[in-house]
């Protein structure tokens, strides 16, 4: 019964394992390409790490489904959790950067308009 439960619980992720591996490879490739630039080398490890996480998660869910391995399912879910945490943090950083840039550009536009009309 436990074997069927593990297979049933892992089925949604198992059915997406091909996409997870594809995205993992694409993240790794983009990280390698990013590392070819001077600025990109500082942050290239992030997409590579994300790609490895996705690829490892897909492999673990494959083991979980094939062998009804509860630990492999848990490993897969933990790696997916880490993937979402990393993406969430990156999104918060991007939003903060956009807010700061919006403020700076807005202030520069106001000062530029004030200077143009004040003369």
C-alpha atoms as a PDB file:
ATOM      1  CA  UNK A   1       0.000   0.000   0.000  1.00  0.00           C
ATOM      2  CA  UNK A   2       2.835   2.391   0.848  1.00  0.00           C
ATOM      3  CA  UNK A   3       4.428   1.708  -2.542  1.00  0.00           C
ATOM      4  CA  UNK A   4       1.253   2.775  -4.327  1.00  0.00           C
ATOM      5  CA  UNK A   5       1.006   5.895  -2.170  1.00  0.00           C
ATOM      6  CA  UNK A   6       4.556   6.983  -3.047  1.00  0.00           C
ATOM      7  CA  UNK A   7       3.897   6.397  -6.756  1.00  0.00           C
ATOM      8  CA  UNK A   8       0.596   8.266  -6.573  1.00  0.00           C
ATOM      9  CA  UNK A   9       2.102  11.219  -4.684  1.00  0.00           C
ATOM     10  CA  UNK A  10       5.069  11.476  -7.033  1.00  0.00           C
ATOM     11  CA  UNK A  11       2.972  11.212 -10.219  1.00  0.00           C
ATOM     12  CA  UNK A  12       2.383  14.970 -10.813  1.00  0.00           C
ATOM     13  CA  UNK A  13       6.081  15.775 -10.468  1.00  0.00           C
ATOM     14  CA  UNK A  14       7.108  12.603 -12.290  1.00  0.00           C
ATOM     15  CA  UNK A  15       5.004  13.613 -15.280  1.00  0.00           C
ATOM     16  CA  UNK A  16       6.888  16.945 -15.404  1.00  0.00           C
ATOM     17  CA  UNK A  17      10.370  15.447 -15.043  1.00  0.00           C
ATOM     18  CA  UNK A  18      11.163  15.954 -18.722  1.00  0.00           C
ATOM     19  CA  UNK A  19      10.415  19.657 -18.466  1.00  0.00           C
ATOM     20  CA  UNK A  20      12.400  19.886 -15.237  1.00  0.00           C
ATOM     21  CA  UNK A  21      15.440  18.335 -16.909  1.00  0.00           C
ATOM     22  CA  UNK A  22      15.017  20.582 -19.962  1.00  0.00           C
ATOM     23  CA  UNK A  23      14.824  23.722 -17.808  1.00  0.00           C
ATOM     24  CA  UNK A  24      17.744  22.480 -15.716  1.00  0.00           C
ATOM     25  CA  UNK A  25      19.911  22.125 -18.807  1.00  0.00           C
ATOM     26  CA  UNK A  26      18.787  25.535 -20.097  1.00  0.00           C
ATOM     27  CA  UNK A  27      19.629  27.208 -16.767  1.00  0.00           C
ATOM     28  CA  UNK A  28      23.063  25.564 -16.774  1.00  0.00           C
ATOM     29  CA  UNK A  29      23.732  26.670 -20.361  1.00  0.00           C
ATOM     30  CA  UNK A  30      22.635  30.240 -19.590  1.00  0.00           C
ATOM     31  CA  UNK A  31      24.893  30.276 -16.525  1.00  0.00           C
ATOM     32  CA  UNK A  32      27.857  29.081 -18.572  1.00  0.00           C
ATOM     33  CA  UNK A  33      27.170  31.728 -21.222  1.00  0.00           C
ATOM     34  CA  UNK A  34      26.793  34.350 -18.508  1.00  0.00           C
ATOM     35  CA  UNK A  35      30.168  33.335 -17.070  1.00  0.00           C
ATOM     36  CA  UNK A  36      31.797  34.339 -20.365  1.00  0.00           C
ATOM     37  CA  UNK A  37      31.210  38.012 -19.557  1.00  0.00           C
ATOM     38  CA  UNK A  38      33.158  40.022 -17.004  1.00  0.00           C
ATOM     39  CA  UNK A  39      30.118  41.095 -14.982  1.00  0.00           C
ATOM     40  CA  UNK A  40      28.274  37.816 -15.526  1.00  0.00           C
ATOM     41  CA  UNK A  41      31.004  35.741 -13.933  1.00  0.00           C
ATOM     42  CA  UNK A  42      29.986  37.173 -10.551  1.00  0.00           C
ATOM     43  CA  UNK A  43      26.430  35.829 -10.740  1.00  0.00           C
ATOM     44  CA  UNK A  44      26.765  32.931 -13.194  1.00  0.00           C
ATOM     45  CA  UNK A  45      26.725  30.417 -10.346  1.00  0.00           C
ATOM     46  CA  UNK A  46      23.064  31.204  -9.591  1.00  0.00           C
ATOM     47  CA  UNK A  47      21.501  29.846 -12.825  1.00  0.00           C
ATOM     48  CA  UNK A  48      23.953  26.932 -12.758  1.00  0.00           C
ATOM     49  CA  UNK A  49      22.865  26.118  -9.192  1.00  0.00           C
ATOM     50  CA  UNK A  50      19.193  26.404 -10.158  1.00  0.00           C
ATOM     51  CA  UNK A  51      19.757  24.127 -13.152  1.00  0.00           C
ATOM     52  CA  UNK A  52      21.510  21.504 -11.057  1.00  0.00           C
ATOM     53  CA  UNK A  53      18.681  21.627  -8.490  1.00  0.00           C
ATOM     54  CA  UNK A  54      16.036  21.050 -11.154  1.00  0.00           C
ATOM     55  CA  UNK A  55      17.991  18.235 -12.762  1.00  0.00           C
ATOM     56  CA  UNK A  56      18.623  16.538  -9.385  1.00  0.00           C
ATOM     57  CA  UNK A  57      14.961  16.919  -8.434  1.00  0.00           C
ATOM     58  CA  UNK A  58      13.830  15.283 -11.682  1.00  0.00           C
ATOM     59  CA  UNK A  59      16.243  12.396 -11.164  1.00  0.00           C
ATOM     60  CA  UNK A  60      15.116  11.935  -7.564  1.00  0.00           C
ATOM     61  CA  UNK A  61      11.415  11.889  -8.463  1.00  0.00           C
ATOM     62  CA  UNK A  62      12.187   9.357 -11.164  1.00  0.00           C
ATOM     63  CA  UNK A  63      13.818   7.115  -8.528  1.00  0.00           C
ATOM     64  CA  UNK A  64      10.893   7.706  -6.178  1.00  0.00           C
ATOM     65  CA  UNK A  65       8.328   6.689  -8.747  1.00  0.00           C
ATOM     66  CA  UNK A  66      10.203   3.688 -10.097  1.00  0.00           C
ATOM     67  CA  UNK A  67      11.310   2.234  -6.749  1.00  0.00           C
ATOM     68  CA  UNK A  68       8.606   3.671  -4.470  1.00  0.00           C
ATOM     69  CA  UNK A  69      11.405   5.360  -2.535  1.00  0.00           C
ATOM     70  CA  UNK A  70      10.040   7.742   0.073  1.00  0.00           C
ATOM     71  CA  UNK A  71      13.448   9.340   0.717  1.00  0.00           C
ATOM     72  CA  UNK A  72      13.899  10.077  -2.994  1.00  0.00           C
ATOM     73  CA  UNK A  73      10.485  11.757  -3.109  1.00  0.00           C
ATOM     74  CA  UNK A  74      11.413  13.842  -0.079  1.00  0.00           C
ATOM     75  CA  UNK A  75      14.748  14.768  -1.697  1.00  0.00           C
ATOM     76  CA  UNK A  76      12.961  15.816  -4.882  1.00  0.00           C
ATOM     77  CA  UNK A  77      10.464  17.977  -3.026  1.00  0.00           C
ATOM     78  CA  UNK A  78      13.229  19.614  -0.968  1.00  0.00           C
ATOM     79  CA  UNK A  79      15.144  20.515  -4.124  1.00  0.00           C
ATOM     80  CA  UNK A  80      12.001  21.984  -5.685  1.00  0.00           C
ATOM     81  CA  UNK A  81      11.429  23.967  -2.490  1.00  0.00           C
ATOM     82  CA  UNK A  82      14.968  25.348  -2.716  1.00  0.00           C
ATOM     83  CA  UNK A  83      14.366  26.215  -6.386  1.00  0.00           C
ATOM     84  CA  UNK A  84      11.299  28.279  -5.461  1.00  0.00           C
ATOM     85  CA  UNK A  85      13.050  29.963  -2.526  1.00  0.00           C
ATOM     86  CA  UNK A  86      15.947  31.023  -4.768  1.00  0.00           C
ATOM     87  CA  UNK A  87      13.560  32.337  -7.429  1.00  0.00           C
ATOM     88  CA  UNK A  88      11.514  34.160  -4.787  1.00  0.00           C
ATOM     89  CA  UNK A  89      14.600  35.874  -3.364  1.00  0.00           C
ATOM     90  CA  UNK A  90      15.751  36.816  -6.866  1.00  0.00           C
ATOM     91  CA  UNK A  91      12.307  38.260  -7.597  1.00  0.00           C
ATOM     92  CA  UNK A  92      12.378  40.341  -4.400  1.00  0.00           C
ATOM     93  CA  UNK A  93      15.846  41.639  -5.298  1.00  0.00           C
ATOM     94  CA  UNK A  94      14.658  42.532  -8.807  1.00  0.00           C
ATOM     95  CA  UNK A  95      11.563  44.312  -7.463  1.00  0.00           C
ATOM     96  CA  UNK A  96      13.676  46.312  -5.006  1.00  0.00           C
ATOM     97  CA  UNK A  97      16.091  47.227  -7.812  1.00  0.00           C
ATOM     98  CA  UNK A  98      13.198  48.330 -10.043  1.00  0.00           C
ATOM     99  CA  UNK A  99      11.681  50.410  -7.250  1.00  0.00           C
ATOM    100  CA  UNK A 100      15.013  52.135  -6.595  1.00  0.00           C
ATOM    101  CA  UNK A 101      15.560  52.789 -10.303  1.00  0.00           C
ATOM    102  CA  UNK A 102      12.003  54.115 -10.665  1.00  0.00           C
ATOM    103  CA  UNK A 103      12.609  56.498  -7.758  1.00  0.00           C
ATOM    104  CA  UNK A 104      15.998  57.663  -9.083  1.00  0.00           C
ATOM    105  CA  UNK A 105      14.765  58.162 -12.642  1.00  0.00           C
ATOM    106  CA  UNK A 106      11.608  59.884 -11.401  1.00  0.00           C
ATOM    107  CA  UNK A 107      13.636  62.238  -9.230  1.00  0.00           C
ATOM    108  CA  UNK A 108      16.033  62.945 -12.105  1.00  0.00           C
ATOM    109  CA  UNK A 109      13.098  63.657 -14.407  1.00  0.00           C
ATOM    110  CA  UNK A 110      11.530  66.049 -11.917  1.00  0.00           C
ATOM    111  CA  UNK A 111      14.815  67.861 -11.374  1.00  0.00           C
ATOM    112  CA  UNK A 112      15.435  68.014 -15.114  1.00  0.00           C
ATOM    113  CA  UNK A 113      11.956  69.415 -15.726  1.00  0.00           C
ATOM    114  CA  UNK A 114      12.372  71.941 -12.912  1.00  0.00           C
ATOM    115  CA  UNK A 115      15.710  73.043 -14.367  1.00  0.00           C
ATOM    116  CA  UNK A 116      14.281  73.404 -17.870  1.00  0.00           C
ATOM    117  CA  UNK A 117      11.337  75.507 -16.739  1.00  0.00           C
ATOM    118  CA  UNK A 118      13.195  77.424 -14.038  1.00  0.00           C
ATOM    119  CA  UNK A 119      15.669  79.098 -16.384  1.00  0.00           C
END
